[in-house]
Amino acid sequence: MEGGGAPDGRQRPFDRTQHFGDADLRSRPVEPVPALSAPTTGDDARRPQLAEDVLKELQRVVSMDSKKDDPQMHGLLAQKLKDAGQVREAAAEYQVASSLDPRNLYFLKQEGFCHNRDKNYEEALRCLGEALRRDPADYVVRNTLEKIYSARGEMKKFLPLLEEILREHPEQKPILGTVRRIRKKMEKEGDDE
């Protein structure tokens, strides 16, 4: 029976007790980890204060000479601001993070999403348009841009951006599909008038 096999030589399914002695590990109660368990009502009351304290501490950290040029710290502060509903301030921090690390598209996209939530559509179009140029496969960015252009009644302005991207990235079939769908919709609207 060595190696976990049965007396007749066949392999038995894994049995935890054969590796850990005769103690049945299944009978031990599982205790939740306090930090991961559901918060108590006392924690719920403190949560807004804790979030505010975190924001203040992060703002203090990014103002330090050693961290003022750290894009990740600015990005973290921006995320916490966004989570707290302070999207205008979050957009400004994402812009700082993006200027410190221009290759990091996450910061640019999040800045655009914050501007969109803040109804600052010009800046949202600028950020998300650049993000789509650099990452044409991002359907969330493409759909958000389409919604903004549509809500503004400016779908004709969206087409040149898509066509530019399609010239640079002809392999992006979803963009080609979006161009065709928008053209078809615009033709139909033109026929209705």
Protein backbone atom coordinates (compact mmCIF):
# COMPACT_ATOMS: atom_id res chain seq x y z
CA MET A 1 0.00 0.00 0.00
CA GLU A 2 2.93 2.35 -0.25
CA GLY A 3 2.50 5.37 -2.52
CA GLY A 4 -1.22 5.56 -1.96
CA GLY A 5 -2.07 2.44 -3.94
CA ALA A 6 -4.74 -0.10 -3.06
CA PRO A 7 -3.74 -3.67 -1.97
CA ASP A 8 -4.50 -4.93 -5.48
CA GLY A 9 -2.04 -2.41 -7.04
CA ARG A 10 -4.60 0.08 -8.38
CA GLN A 11 -4.21 3.81 -7.61
CA ARG A 12 -6.59 5.12 -5.00
CA PRO A 13 -8.03 8.62 -5.19
CA PHE A 14 -6.09 11.15 -3.16
CA ASP A 15 -6.87 10.93 0.52
CA ARG A 16 -5.73 13.82 2.70
CA THR A 17 -5.31 11.58 5.73
CA GLN A 18 -2.62 9.45 4.10
CA HIS A 19 -0.31 12.49 3.87
CA PHE A 20 -1.20 14.08 7.19
CA GLY A 21 -1.53 11.10 9.48
CA ASP A 22 -4.79 9.80 10.83
CA ALA A 23 -6.22 13.22 11.67
CA ASP A 24 -9.28 13.91 9.59
CA LEU A 25 -8.66 17.42 8.29
CA ARG A 26 -12.22 17.72 7.07
CA SER A 27 -13.51 17.87 10.63
CA ARG A 28 -11.60 21.05 11.52
CA PRO A 29 -13.71 24.17 11.52
CA VAL A 30 -12.67 26.84 9.06
CA GLU A 31 -12.26 30.21 10.73
CA PRO A 32 -12.74 33.28 8.57
CA VAL A 33 -9.80 35.63 8.27
CA PRO A 34 -10.88 38.80 10.12
CA ALA A 35 -9.60 41.20 7.44
CA LEU A 36 -11.49 39.32 4.73
CA SER A 37 -14.69 38.56 6.58
CA ALA A 38 -17.83 40.63 6.27
CA PRO A 39 -17.56 43.95 8.07
CA THR A 40 -19.49 44.50 11.24
CA THR A 41 -21.88 47.39 11.65
CA GLY A 42 -19.21 49.30 13.56
CA ASP A 43 -16.88 49.00 10.55
CA ASP A 44 -19.64 50.21 8.24
CA ALA A 45 -19.95 53.41 10.22
CA ARG A 46 -16.19 54.00 10.03
CA ARG A 47 -15.79 53.14 6.33
CA PRO A 48 -16.33 56.69 4.98
CA GLN A 49 -13.87 58.07 7.52
CA LEU A 50 -11.33 55.41 6.61
CA ALA A 51 -11.70 56.19 2.91
CA GLU A 52 -11.23 59.88 3.63
CA ASP A 53 -8.16 59.11 5.73
CA VAL A 54 -6.71 57.02 2.91
CA LEU A 55 -7.29 59.87 0.46
CA LYS A 56 -5.61 62.39 2.74
CA GLU A 57 -2.65 60.09 3.29
CA LEU A 58 -2.24 59.41 -0.43
CA GLN A 59 -2.43 63.14 -1.18
CA ARG A 60 0.28 63.69 1.41
CA VAL A 61 2.42 60.93 -0.11
CA VAL A 62 2.20 62.24 -3.69
CA SER A 63 3.18 65.70 -2.47
CA MET A 64 6.46 64.32 -1.05
CA ASP A 65 9.55 65.05 -3.13
CA SER A 66 10.37 61.35 -3.39
CA LYS A 67 6.90 60.43 -4.71
CA LYS A 68 5.76 63.46 -6.71
CA ASP A 69 7.14 61.89 -9.90
CA ASP A 70 5.75 58.42 -9.22
CA PRO A 71 2.98 57.70 -11.77
CA GLN A 72 1.76 54.64 -9.88
CA MET A 73 1.15 56.67 -6.71
CA HIS A 74 -0.77 59.30 -8.68
CA GLY A 75 -2.71 56.49 -10.36
CA LEU A 76 -3.57 54.95 -6.99
CA LEU A 77 -4.71 58.32 -5.65
CA ALA A 78 -6.79 58.82 -8.80
CA GLN A 79 -8.46 55.42 -8.34
CA LYS A 80 -9.30 56.18 -4.72
CA LEU A 81 -10.70 59.59 -5.72
CA LYS A 82 -12.79 57.93 -8.43
CA ASP A 83 -14.06 55.34 -5.93
CA ALA A 84 -15.05 58.21 -3.63
CA GLY A 85 -17.05 59.81 -6.46
CA GLN A 86 -14.61 62.69 -6.95
CA VAL A 87 -14.26 62.12 -10.70
CA ARG A 88 -13.04 65.61 -11.59
CA GLU A 89 -10.17 65.32 -9.11
CA ALA A 90 -9.53 61.75 -10.25
CA ALA A 91 -9.27 62.88 -13.87
CA ALA A 92 -6.67 65.47 -12.86
CA GLU A 93 -4.61 62.82 -11.02
CA TYR A 94 -4.88 60.40 -13.93
CA GLN A 95 -3.66 63.20 -16.18
CA VAL A 96 -0.61 63.70 -13.92
CA ALA A 97 0.03 59.95 -13.90
CA SER A 98 -0.34 59.80 -17.69
CA SER A 99 2.07 62.69 -18.20
CA LEU A 100 4.62 60.94 -15.96
CA ASP A 101 4.18 57.62 -17.79
CA PRO A 102 2.84 58.36 -21.28
CA ARG A 103 3.16 54.73 -22.40
CA ASN A 104 0.71 53.56 -19.74
CA LEU A 105 -2.64 53.55 -21.55
CA TYR A 106 -4.54 52.63 -18.41
CA PHE A 107 -4.08 56.14 -17.03
CA LEU A 108 -5.20 57.77 -20.29
CA LYS A 109 -8.28 55.54 -20.54
CA GLN A 110 -9.26 56.10 -16.94
CA GLU A 111 -8.83 59.86 -17.36
CA GLY A 112 -11.20 59.68 -20.33
CA PHE A 113 -13.74 57.62 -18.41
CA CYS A 114 -13.61 60.12 -15.53
CA HIS A 115 -14.18 63.03 -17.92
CA ASN A 116 -17.12 61.13 -19.39
CA ARG A 117 -18.67 60.59 -15.94
CA ASP A 118 -18.10 64.28 -15.21
CA LYS A 119 -19.88 65.14 -18.50
CA ASN A 120 -16.72 66.85 -19.78
CA TYR A 121 -17.22 65.30 -23.19
CA GLU A 122 -14.57 67.28 -25.09
CA GLU A 123 -11.82 65.97 -22.81
CA ALA A 124 -13.36 62.50 -22.79
CA LEU A 125 -13.30 62.45 -26.59
CA ARG A 126 -9.67 63.65 -26.62
CA CYS A 127 -8.45 61.03 -24.12
CA LEU A 128 -10.49 58.11 -25.37
CA GLY A 129 -9.82 58.96 -29.03
CA GLU A 130 -6.07 58.84 -28.36
CA ALA A 131 -6.49 55.65 -26.36
CA LEU A 132 -8.38 54.00 -29.23
CA ARG A 133 -5.70 55.08 -31.71
CA ARG A 134 -3.09 53.39 -29.55
CA ASP A 135 -5.19 50.33 -28.60
CA PRO A 136 -7.77 49.79 -31.36
CA ALA A 137 -8.86 46.43 -29.94
CA ASP A 138 -10.34 48.00 -26.78
CA TYR A 139 -14.05 47.61 -27.35
CA VAL A 140 -14.98 49.38 -24.09
CA VAL A 141 -13.21 52.54 -25.24
CA ARG A 142 -14.73 52.22 -28.73
CA ASN A 143 -18.25 51.72 -27.34
CA THR A 144 -17.86 54.64 -24.93
CA LEU A 145 -16.73 56.90 -27.76
CA GLU A 146 -19.66 55.77 -29.88
CA LYS A 147 -22.10 56.56 -27.06
CA ILE A 148 -20.62 60.03 -26.56
CA TYR A 149 -20.69 60.88 -30.27
CA SER A 150 -24.21 59.47 -30.58
CA ALA A 151 -25.52 61.40 -27.57
CA ARG A 152 -24.08 64.58 -29.04
CA GLY A 153 -25.58 63.81 -32.46
CA GLU A 154 -22.11 63.86 -34.01
CA MET A 155 -21.70 60.38 -35.46
CA LYS A 156 -20.25 61.93 -38.63
CA LYS A 157 -17.30 63.10 -36.52
CA PHE A 158 -16.72 59.58 -35.22
CA LEU A 159 -16.29 58.07 -38.68
CA PRO A 160 -13.02 59.87 -39.58
CA LEU A 161 -11.44 58.65 -36.33
CA LEU A 162 -12.49 55.07 -37.05
CA GLU A 163 -11.33 55.28 -40.66
CA GLU A 164 -7.94 56.66 -39.56
CA ILE A 165 -7.54 53.77 -37.13
CA LEU A 166 -8.62 51.28 -39.78
CA ARG A 167 -5.95 52.60 -42.19
CA GLU A 168 -3.30 52.08 -39.50
CA HIS A 169 -4.73 48.75 -38.28
CA PRO A 170 -6.55 47.02 -41.17
CA GLU A 171 -6.64 43.78 -39.16
CA GLN A 172 -9.17 45.31 -36.75
CA LYS A 173 -12.34 43.77 -38.17
CA PRO A 174 -14.57 45.02 -35.32
CA ILE A 175 -13.70 48.61 -36.26
CA LEU A 176 -14.59 47.86 -39.88
CA GLY A 177 -17.91 46.46 -38.65
CA THR A 178 -18.53 49.61 -36.60
CA VAL A 179 -17.78 51.82 -39.61
CA ARG A 180 -20.19 49.86 -41.79
CA ARG A 181 -22.91 49.89 -39.13
CA ILE A 182 -22.61 53.65 -38.59
CA ARG A 183 -22.63 54.36 -42.34
CA LYS A 184 -25.71 52.18 -42.78
CA LYS A 185 -27.45 53.94 -39.89
CA MET A 186 -26.55 57.37 -41.30
CA GLU A 187 -27.82 56.37 -44.77
CA LYS A 188 -31.09 55.15 -43.24
CA GLU A 189 -31.48 58.40 -41.29
CA GLY A 190 -30.77 60.33 -44.49
CA ASP A 191 -33.51 58.40 -46.32
CA ASP A 192 -35.97 59.12 -43.50
CA GLU A 193 -35.54 62.88 -43.84
